[in-house]
Full PDB file with SEQRES, HELIX, SHEET, SSBOND, CRYST1, ORIGX, SCALE, CONECT and MASTER records, all heavy atoms in Angstrom:
SEQRES   1 A   31  LEU LEU ALA SER ALA SER ASP ASP GLU SER ILE ARG LEU          
SEQRES   2 A   31  TRP ASN LEU LYS THR GLY ALA HIS VAL GLN THR LEU MET          
SEQRES   3 A   31  SER ASP ARG PRO TYR                                          
SHEET    1 AA1 3 LEU A   2  ALA A   5  0                                        
SHEET    2 AA1 3 ILE A  11  TRP A  14 -1                                        
SHEET    3 AA1 3 HIS A  21  LEU A  25 -1                                        
CRYST1    1.000    1.000    1.000  90.00  90.00  90.00 P 1           1          
ORIGX1      1.000000  0.000000  0.000000        0.00000                         
ORIGX2      0.000000  1.000000  0.000000        0.00000                         
ORIGX3      0.000000  0.000000  1.000000        0.00000                         
SCALE1      1.000000  0.000000  0.000000        0.00000                         
SCALE2      0.000000  1.000000  0.000000        0.00000                         
SCALE3      0.000000  0.000000  1.000000        0.00000                         
ATOM      1  N   LEU A   1      41.084 168.850  38.032  1.00  0.00           N  
ATOM      2  CA  LEU A   1      41.459 167.442  38.073  1.00  0.00           C  
ATOM      3  C   LEU A   1      40.454 166.567  37.339  1.00  0.00           C  
ATOM      4  O   LEU A   1      39.252 166.823  37.368  1.00  0.00           O  
ATOM      5  CB  LEU A   1      41.569 166.965  39.526  1.00  0.00           C  
ATOM      6  CG  LEU A   1      42.751 167.484  40.346  1.00  0.00           C  
ATOM      7  CD1 LEU A   1      42.629 167.009  41.788  1.00  0.00           C  
ATOM      8  CD2 LEU A   1      44.067 167.007  39.742  1.00  0.00           C  
ATOM      9  N   LEU A   2      40.973 165.549  36.717  1.00  0.00           N  
ATOM     10  CA  LEU A   2      40.187 164.489  36.114  1.00  0.00           C  
ATOM     11  C   LEU A   2      40.501 163.206  36.868  1.00  0.00           C  
ATOM     12  O   LEU A   2      41.671 162.891  37.098  1.00  0.00           O  
ATOM     13  CB  LEU A   2      40.559 164.348  34.635  1.00  0.00           C  
ATOM     14  CG  LEU A   2      40.216 163.049  33.907  1.00  0.00           C  
ATOM     15  CD1 LEU A   2      38.719 162.827  33.877  1.00  0.00           C  
ATOM     16  CD2 LEU A   2      40.787 163.068  32.506  1.00  0.00           C  
ATOM     17  N   ALA A   3      39.471 162.496  37.291  1.00  0.00           N  
ATOM     18  CA  ALA A   3      39.660 161.208  37.960  1.00  0.00           C  
ATOM     19  C   ALA A   3      39.073 160.110  37.090  1.00  0.00           C  
ATOM     20  O   ALA A   3      38.019 160.280  36.473  1.00  0.00           O  
ATOM     21  CB  ALA A   3      39.001 161.213  39.335  1.00  0.00           C  
ATOM     22  N   SER A   4      39.763 158.978  37.047  1.00  0.00           N  
ATOM     23  CA  SER A   4      39.303 157.841  36.251  1.00  0.00           C  
ATOM     24  C   SER A   4      39.401 156.567  37.076  1.00  0.00           C  
ATOM     25  O   SER A   4      40.340 156.391  37.861  1.00  0.00           O  
ATOM     26  CB  SER A   4      40.139 157.708  34.976  1.00  0.00           C  
ATOM     27  OG  SER A   4      41.529 157.601  35.287  1.00  0.00           O  
ATOM     28  N   ALA A   5      38.427 155.684  36.913  1.00  0.00           N  
ATOM     29  CA  ALA A   5      38.388 154.417  37.644  1.00  0.00           C  
ATOM     30  C   ALA A   5      38.336 153.275  36.651  1.00  0.00           C  
ATOM     31  O   ALA A   5      37.639 153.352  35.631  1.00  0.00           O  
ATOM     32  CB  ALA A   5      37.168 154.372  38.559  1.00  0.00           C  
ATOM     33  N   SER A   6      39.053 152.191  36.968  1.00  0.00           N  
ATOM     34  CA  SER A   6      39.251 151.136  35.986  1.00  0.00           C  
ATOM     35  C   SER A   6      39.127 149.745  36.597  1.00  0.00           C  
ATOM     36  O   SER A   6      39.224 149.557  37.809  1.00  0.00           O  
ATOM     37  CB  SER A   6      40.633 151.298  35.347  1.00  0.00           C  
ATOM     38  OG  SER A   6      41.032 150.162  34.618  1.00  0.00           O  
ATOM     39  N   ASP A   7      38.977 148.767  35.716  1.00  0.00           N  
ATOM     40  CA  ASP A   7      39.003 147.364  36.102  1.00  0.00           C  
ATOM     41  C   ASP A   7      40.373 146.937  36.630  1.00  0.00           C  
ATOM     42  O   ASP A   7      40.503 145.853  37.184  1.00  0.00           O  
ATOM     43  CB  ASP A   7      38.650 146.491  34.888  1.00  0.00           C  
ATOM     44  CG  ASP A   7      37.261 145.875  35.006  1.00  0.00           C  
ATOM     45  OD1 ASP A   7      36.584 146.105  36.022  1.00  0.00           O  
ATOM     46  OD2 ASP A   7      36.838 145.166  34.063  1.00  0.00           O  
ATOM     47  N   ASP A   8      41.394 147.769  36.438  1.00  0.00           N  
ATOM     48  CA  ASP A   8      42.726 147.427  36.938  1.00  0.00           C  
ATOM     49  C   ASP A   8      42.868 147.711  38.437  1.00  0.00           C  
ATOM     50  O   ASP A   8      43.965 147.677  38.987  1.00  0.00           O  
ATOM     51  CB  ASP A   8      43.822 148.138  36.147  1.00  0.00           C  
ATOM     52  CG  ASP A   8      43.781 149.661  36.277  1.00  0.00           C  
ATOM     53  OD1 ASP A   8      43.082 150.174  37.176  1.00  0.00           O  
ATOM     54  OD2 ASP A   8      44.446 150.343  35.481  1.00  0.00           O  
ATOM     55  N   GLU A   9      41.734 148.022  39.087  1.00  0.00           N  
ATOM     56  CA  GLU A   9      41.647 148.226  40.538  1.00  0.00           C  
ATOM     57  C   GLU A   9      42.247 149.551  41.002  1.00  0.00           C  
ATOM     58  O   GLU A   9      42.504 149.745  42.193  1.00  0.00           O  
ATOM     59  CB  GLU A   9      42.304 147.068  41.297  1.00  0.00           C  
ATOM     60  CG  GLU A   9      41.716 145.707  40.971  1.00  0.00           C  
ATOM     61  CD  GLU A   9      42.418 144.563  41.677  1.00  0.00           C  
ATOM     62  OE1 GLU A   9      43.275 144.833  42.543  1.00  0.00           O  
ATOM     63  OE2 GLU A   9      42.122 143.398  41.348  1.00  0.00           O  
ATOM     64  N   SER A  10      42.452 150.475  40.069  1.00  0.00           N  
ATOM     65  CA  SER A  10      43.051 151.757  40.446  1.00  0.00           C  
ATOM     66  C   SER A  10      42.157 152.926  40.072  1.00  0.00           C  
ATOM     67  O   SER A  10      41.292 152.824  39.189  1.00  0.00           O  
ATOM     68  CB  SER A  10      44.415 151.936  39.770  1.00  0.00           C  
ATOM     69  OG  SER A  10      44.253 152.246  38.390  1.00  0.00           O  
ATOM     70  N   ILE A  11      42.367 154.028  40.779  1.00  0.00           N  
ATOM     71  CA  ILE A  11      41.831 155.339  40.423  1.00  0.00           C  
ATOM     72  C   ILE A  11      43.026 156.211  40.081  1.00  0.00           C  
ATOM     73  O   ILE A  11      44.005 156.263  40.842  1.00  0.00           O  
ATOM     74  CB  ILE A  11      41.045 155.967  41.588  1.00  0.00           C  
ATOM     75  CG1 ILE A  11      39.856 155.077  41.970  1.00  0.00           C  
ATOM     76  CG2 ILE A  11      40.585 157.382  41.236  1.00  0.00           C  
ATOM     77  CD1 ILE A  11      39.236 155.448  43.295  1.00  0.00           C  
ATOM     78  N   ARG A  12      42.971 156.873  38.965  1.00  0.00           N  
ATOM     79  CA  ARG A  12      44.078 157.748  38.567  1.00  0.00           C  
ATOM     80  C   ARG A  12      43.584 159.196  38.505  1.00  0.00           C  
ATOM     81  O   ARG A  12      42.484 159.464  38.031  1.00  0.00           O  
ATOM     82  CB  ARG A  12      44.654 157.323  37.214  1.00  0.00           C  
ATOM     83  CG  ARG A  12      45.440 156.019  37.290  1.00  0.00           C  
ATOM     84  CD  ARG A  12      45.960 155.555  35.942  1.00  0.00           C  
ATOM     85  NE  ARG A  12      46.723 154.333  36.092  1.00  0.00           N  
ATOM     86  CZ  ARG A  12      48.051 154.263  36.024  1.00  0.00           C  
ATOM     87  NH1 ARG A  12      48.757 155.355  35.790  1.00  0.00           N  
ATOM     88  NH2 ARG A  12      48.675 153.098  36.173  1.00  0.00           N  
ATOM     89  N   LEU A  13      44.415 160.090  38.988  1.00  0.00           N  
ATOM     90  CA  LEU A  13      44.133 161.518  38.944  1.00  0.00           C  
ATOM     91  C   LEU A  13      45.035 162.161  37.897  1.00  0.00           C  
ATOM     92  O   LEU A  13      46.234 161.869  37.832  1.00  0.00           O  
ATOM     93  CB  LEU A  13      44.372 162.166  40.313  1.00  0.00           C  
ATOM     94  CG  LEU A  13      43.564 161.603  41.490  1.00  0.00           C  
ATOM     95  CD1 LEU A  13      43.909 162.354  42.771  1.00  0.00           C  
ATOM     96  CD2 LEU A  13      42.072 161.680  41.222  1.00  0.00           C  
ATOM     97  N   TRP A  14      44.447 163.048  37.103  1.00  0.00           N  
ATOM     98  CA  TRP A  14      45.158 163.695  36.002  1.00  0.00           C  
ATOM     99  C   TRP A  14      44.922 165.208  36.059  1.00  0.00           C  
ATOM    100  O   TRP A  14      43.869 165.670  36.498  1.00  0.00           O  
ATOM    101  CB  TRP A  14      44.648 163.198  34.654  1.00  0.00           C  
ATOM    102  CG  TRP A  14      44.465 161.728  34.524  1.00  0.00           C  
ATOM    103  CD1 TRP A  14      43.421 160.978  35.018  1.00  0.00           C  
ATOM    104  CD2 TRP A  14      45.331 160.800  33.882  1.00  0.00           C  
ATOM    105  NE1 TRP A  14      43.585 159.654  34.699  1.00  0.00           N  
ATOM    106  CE2 TRP A  14      44.747 159.506  33.996  1.00  0.00           C  
ATOM    107  CE3 TRP A  14      46.543 160.923  33.187  1.00  0.00           C  
ATOM    108  CZ2 TRP A  14      45.331 158.368  33.455  1.00  0.00           C  
ATOM    109  CZ3 TRP A  14      47.119 159.782  32.641  1.00  0.00           C  
ATOM    110  CH2 TRP A  14      46.518 158.526  32.791  1.00  0.00           C  
ATOM    111  N   ASN A  15      45.904 165.966  35.597  1.00  0.00           N  
ATOM    112  CA  ASN A  15      45.726 167.400  35.408  1.00  0.00           C  
ATOM    113  C   ASN A  15      44.942 167.589  34.109  1.00  0.00           C  
ATOM    114  O   ASN A  15      45.413 167.213  33.035  1.00  0.00           O  
ATOM    115  CB  ASN A  15      47.084 168.096  35.323  1.00  0.00           C  
ATOM    116  CG  ASN A  15      46.968 169.611  35.217  1.00  0.00           C  
ATOM    117  OD1 ASN A  15      46.190 170.140  34.428  1.00  0.00           O  
ATOM    118  ND2 ASN A  15      47.755 170.318  36.006  1.00  0.00           N  
ATOM    119  N   LEU A  16      43.750 168.140  34.212  1.00  0.00           N  
ATOM    120  CA  LEU A  16      42.883 168.253  33.042  1.00  0.00           C  
ATOM    121  C   LEU A  16      43.505 169.147  31.967  1.00  0.00           C  
ATOM    122  O   LEU A  16      43.361 168.885  30.771  1.00  0.00           O  
ATOM    123  CB  LEU A  16      41.511 168.798  33.458  1.00  0.00           C  
ATOM    124  CG  LEU A  16      40.481 168.967  32.344  1.00  0.00           C  
ATOM    125  CD1 LEU A  16      40.159 167.634  31.689  1.00  0.00           C  
ATOM    126  CD2 LEU A  16      39.198 169.605  32.878  1.00  0.00           C  
ATOM    127  N   LYS A  17      44.206 170.210  32.379  1.00  0.00           N  
ATOM    128  CA  LYS A  17      44.758 171.156  31.405  1.00  0.00           C  
ATOM    129  C   LYS A  17      45.940 170.569  30.643  1.00  0.00           C  
ATOM    130  O   LYS A  17      46.048 170.716  29.430  1.00  0.00           O  
ATOM    131  CB  LYS A  17      45.187 172.447  32.120  1.00  0.00           C  
ATOM    132  CG  LYS A  17      44.024 173.322  32.572  1.00  0.00           C  
ATOM    133  CD  LYS A  17      44.527 174.605  33.188  1.00  0.00           C  
ATOM    134  CE  LYS A  17      43.371 175.518  33.596  1.00  0.00           C  
ATOM    135  NZ  LYS A  17      43.852 176.771  34.240  1.00  0.00           N  
ATOM    136  N   THR A  18      46.840 169.895  31.368  1.00  0.00           N  
ATOM    137  CA  THR A  18      48.070 169.412  30.741  1.00  0.00           C  
ATOM    138  C   THR A  18      48.003 167.938  30.341  1.00  0.00           C  
ATOM    139  O   THR A  18      48.796 167.475  29.528  1.00  0.00           O  
ATOM    140  CB  THR A  18      49.266 169.600  31.690  1.00  0.00           C  
ATOM    141  OG1 THR A  18      49.099 168.743  32.837  1.00  0.00           O  
ATOM    142  CG2 THR A  18      49.369 171.046  32.151  1.00  0.00           C  
ATOM    143  N   GLY A  19      47.086 167.191  30.956  1.00  0.00           N  
ATOM    144  CA  GLY A  19      47.021 165.758  30.723  1.00  0.00           C  
ATOM    145  C   GLY A  19      48.016 164.957  31.537  1.00  0.00           C  
ATOM    146  O   GLY A  19      48.117 163.737  31.388  1.00  0.00           O  
ATOM    147  N   ALA A  20      48.764 165.636  32.404  1.00  0.00           N  
ATOM    148  CA  ALA A  20      49.785 164.950  33.199  1.00  0.00           C  
ATOM    149  C   ALA A  20      49.145 164.073  34.271  1.00  0.00           C  
ATOM    150  O   ALA A  20      48.148 164.460  34.901  1.00  0.00           O  
ATOM    151  CB  ALA A  20      50.716 165.965  33.856  1.00  0.00           C  
ATOM    152  N   HIS A  21      49.728 162.897  34.485  1.00  0.00           N  
ATOM    153  CA  HIS A  21      49.276 162.009  35.554  1.00  0.00           C  
ATOM    154  C   HIS A  21      49.741 162.583  36.886  1.00  0.00           C  
ATOM    155  O   HIS A  21      50.921 162.872  37.077  1.00  0.00           O  
ATOM    156  CB  HIS A  21      49.846 160.608  35.330  1.00  0.00           C  
ATOM    157  CG  HIS A  21      49.554 159.658  36.442  1.00  0.00           C  
ATOM    158  ND1 HIS A  21      50.525 159.059  37.193  1.00  0.00           N  
ATOM    159  CD2 HIS A  21      48.373 159.211  36.946  1.00  0.00           C  
ATOM    160  CE1 HIS A  21      49.969 158.276  38.104  1.00  0.00           C  
ATOM    161  NE2 HIS A  21      48.663 158.352  37.963  1.00  0.00           N  
ATOM    162  N   VAL A  22      48.825 162.753  37.811  1.00  0.00           N  
ATOM    163  CA  VAL A  22      49.130 163.370  39.097  1.00  0.00           C  
ATOM    164  C   VAL A  22      49.349 162.323  40.184  1.00  0.00           C  
ATOM    165  O   VAL A  22      50.300 162.394  40.966  1.00  0.00           O  
ATOM    166  CB  VAL A  22      47.994 164.340  39.518  1.00  0.00           C  
ATOM    167  CG1 VAL A  22      48.251 164.904  40.913  1.00  0.00           C  
ATOM    168  CG2 VAL A  22      47.839 165.453  38.503  1.00  0.00           C  
ATOM    169  N   GLN A  23      48.476 161.328  40.246  1.00  0.00           N  
ATOM    170  CA  GLN A  23      48.530 160.362  41.340  1.00  0.00           C  
ATOM    171  C   GLN A  23      47.715 159.126  40.990  1.00  0.00           C  
ATOM    172  O   GLN A  23      46.761 159.198  40.228  1.00  0.00           O  
ATOM    173  CB  GLN A  23      47.971 161.002  42.624  1.00  0.00           C  
ATOM    174  CG  GLN A  23      48.160 160.193  43.883  1.00  0.00           C  
ATOM    175  CD  GLN A  23      47.650 160.949  45.114  1.00  0.00           C  
ATOM    176  OE1 GLN A  23      47.078 162.031  44.997  1.00  0.00           O  
ATOM    177  NE2 GLN A  23      47.841 160.385  46.274  1.00  0.00           N  
ATOM    178  N   THR A  24      48.143 157.990  41.551  1.00  0.00           N  
ATOM    179  CA  THR A  24      47.364 156.757  41.440  1.00  0.00           C  
ATOM    180  C   THR A  24      46.903 156.339  42.827  1.00  0.00           C  
ATOM    181  O   THR A  24      47.707 156.276  43.763  1.00  0.00           O  
ATOM    182  CB  THR A  24      48.187 155.619  40.814  1.00  0.00           C  
ATOM    183  OG1 THR A  24      48.572 155.990  39.485  1.00  0.00           O  
ATOM    184  CG2 THR A  24      47.376 154.334  40.746  1.00  0.00           C  
ATOM    185  N   LEU A  25      45.617 156.098  42.968  1.00  0.00           N  
ATOM    186  CA  LEU A  25      45.048 155.643  44.235  1.00  0.00           C  
ATOM    187  C   LEU A  25      44.714 154.169  44.097  1.00  0.00           C  
ATOM    188  O   LEU A  25      43.956 153.772  43.218  1.00  0.00           O  
ATOM    189  CB  LEU A  25      43.782 156.435  44.572  1.00  0.00           C  
ATOM    190  CG  LEU A  25      43.907 157.963  44.569  1.00  0.00           C  
ATOM    191  CD1 LEU A  25      42.556 158.607  44.849  1.00  0.00           C  
ATOM    192  CD2 LEU A  25      44.933 158.425  45.592  1.00  0.00           C  
ATOM    193  N   MET A  26      45.308 153.361  44.988  1.00  0.00           N  
ATOM    194  CA  MET A  26      45.096 151.926  44.910  1.00  0.00           C  
ATOM    195  C   MET A  26      45.327 151.333  46.289  1.00  0.00           C  
ATOM    196  O   MET A  26      46.390 151.516  46.890  1.00  0.00           O  
ATOM    197  CB  MET A  26      46.060 151.309  43.895  1.00  0.00           C  
ATOM    198  CG  MET A  26      45.736 149.901  43.484  1.00  0.00           C  
ATOM    199  SD  MET A  26      46.780 149.403  42.076  1.00  0.00           S  
ATOM    200  CE  MET A  26      46.074 147.808  41.712  1.00  0.00           C  
ATOM    201  N   SER A  27      44.332 150.658  46.829  1.00  0.00           N  
ATOM    202  CA  SER A  27      44.478 150.090  48.169  1.00  0.00           C  
ATOM    203  C   SER A  27      45.320 148.826  48.110  1.00  0.00           C  
ATOM    204  O   SER A  27      45.311 148.076  47.125  1.00  0.00           O  
ATOM    205  CB  SER A  27      43.107 149.771  48.770  1.00  0.00           C  
ATOM    206  OG  SER A  27      42.438 148.813  47.978  1.00  0.00           O  
ATOM    207  N   ASP A  28      46.084 148.592  49.175  1.00  0.00           N  
ATOM    208  CA  ASP A  28      46.892 147.373  49.257  1.00  0.00           C  
ATOM    209  C   ASP A  28      45.995 146.152  49.366  1.00  0.00           C  
ATOM    210  O   ASP A  28      44.993 146.150  50.081  1.00  0.00           O  
ATOM    211  CB  ASP A  28      47.818 147.426  50.480  1.00  0.00           C  
ATOM    212  CG  ASP A  28      48.970 148.395  50.284  1.00  0.00           C  
ATOM    213  OD1 ASP A  28      49.247 148.749  49.121  1.00  0.00           O  
ATOM    214  OD2 ASP A  28      49.573 148.791  51.292  1.00  0.00           O  
ATOM    215  N   ARG A  29      46.400 145.099  48.679  1.00  0.00           N  
ATOM    216  CA  ARG A  29      45.707 143.823  48.801  1.00  0.00           C  
ATOM    217  C   ARG A  29      46.224 143.084  50.039  1.00  0.00           C  
ATOM    218  O   ARG A  29      47.280 143.426  50.583  1.00  0.00           O  
ATOM    219  CB  ARG A  29      45.923 143.012  47.520  1.00  0.00           C  
ATOM    220  CG  ARG A  29      45.235 143.636  46.306  1.00  0.00           C  
ATOM    221  CD  ARG A  29      45.690 143.018  45.004  1.00  0.00           C  
ATOM    222  NE  ARG A  29      47.087 143.334  44.725  1.00  0.00           N  
ATOM    223  CZ  ARG A  29      47.742 142.920  43.636  1.00  0.00           C  
ATOM    224  NH1 ARG A  29      47.124 142.171  42.741  1.00  0.00           N  
ATOM    225  NH2 ARG A  29      49.001 143.240  43.449  1.00  0.00           N  
ATOM    226  N   PRO A  30      45.497 142.066  50.510  1.00  0.00           N  
ATOM    227  CA  PRO A  30      45.850 141.428  51.795  1.00  0.00           C  
ATOM    228  C   PRO A  30      47.278 140.909  51.881  1.00  0.00           C  
ATOM    229  O   PRO A  30      47.894 140.962  52.947  1.00  0.00           O  
ATOM    230  CB  PRO A  30      44.826 140.276  51.897  1.00  0.00           C  
ATOM    231  CG  PRO A  30      43.672 140.712  51.075  1.00  0.00           C  
ATOM    232  CD  PRO A  30      44.249 141.518  49.955  1.00  0.00           C  
ATOM    233  N   TYR A  31      47.824 140.408  50.756  1.00  0.00           N  
ATOM    234  CA  TYR A  31      49.173 139.838  50.784  1.00  0.00           C  
ATOM    235  C   TYR A  31      50.128 140.642  49.901  1.00  0.00           C  
ATOM    236  O   TYR A  31      51.067 140.091  49.331  1.00  0.00           O  
ATOM    237  CB  TYR A  31      49.122 138.368  50.355  1.00  0.00           C  
ATOM    238  CG  TYR A  31      48.295 137.519  51.285  1.00  0.00           C  
ATOM    239  CD1 TYR A  31      46.986 137.166  50.954  1.00  0.00           C  
ATOM    240  CD2 TYR A  31      48.799 137.087  52.508  1.00  0.00           C  
ATOM    241  CE1 TYR A  31      46.208 136.411  51.820  1.00  0.00           C  
ATOM    242  CE2 TYR A  31      48.029 136.325  53.382  1.00  0.00           C  
ATOM    243  CZ  TYR A  31      46.740 135.988  53.027  1.00  0.00           C  
ATOM    244  OH  TYR A  31      45.966 135.244  53.892  1.00  0.00           O  
TER     245      TYR A  31                                                      
MASTER        0    0    0    0    3    0    0    6  244    1    0    3          
END                                                                             
C-alpha cells in the first residue's frame, strides 16, 4: 500500500503495484 496525505484534508490509500485507488480516509466535519 501507498498512503498519501494532502491539503484537501484527505488521506488516500493506493495499491502500489497497480496504482489503483483503494480507499479515502476523511473525517466528517462538524456540519
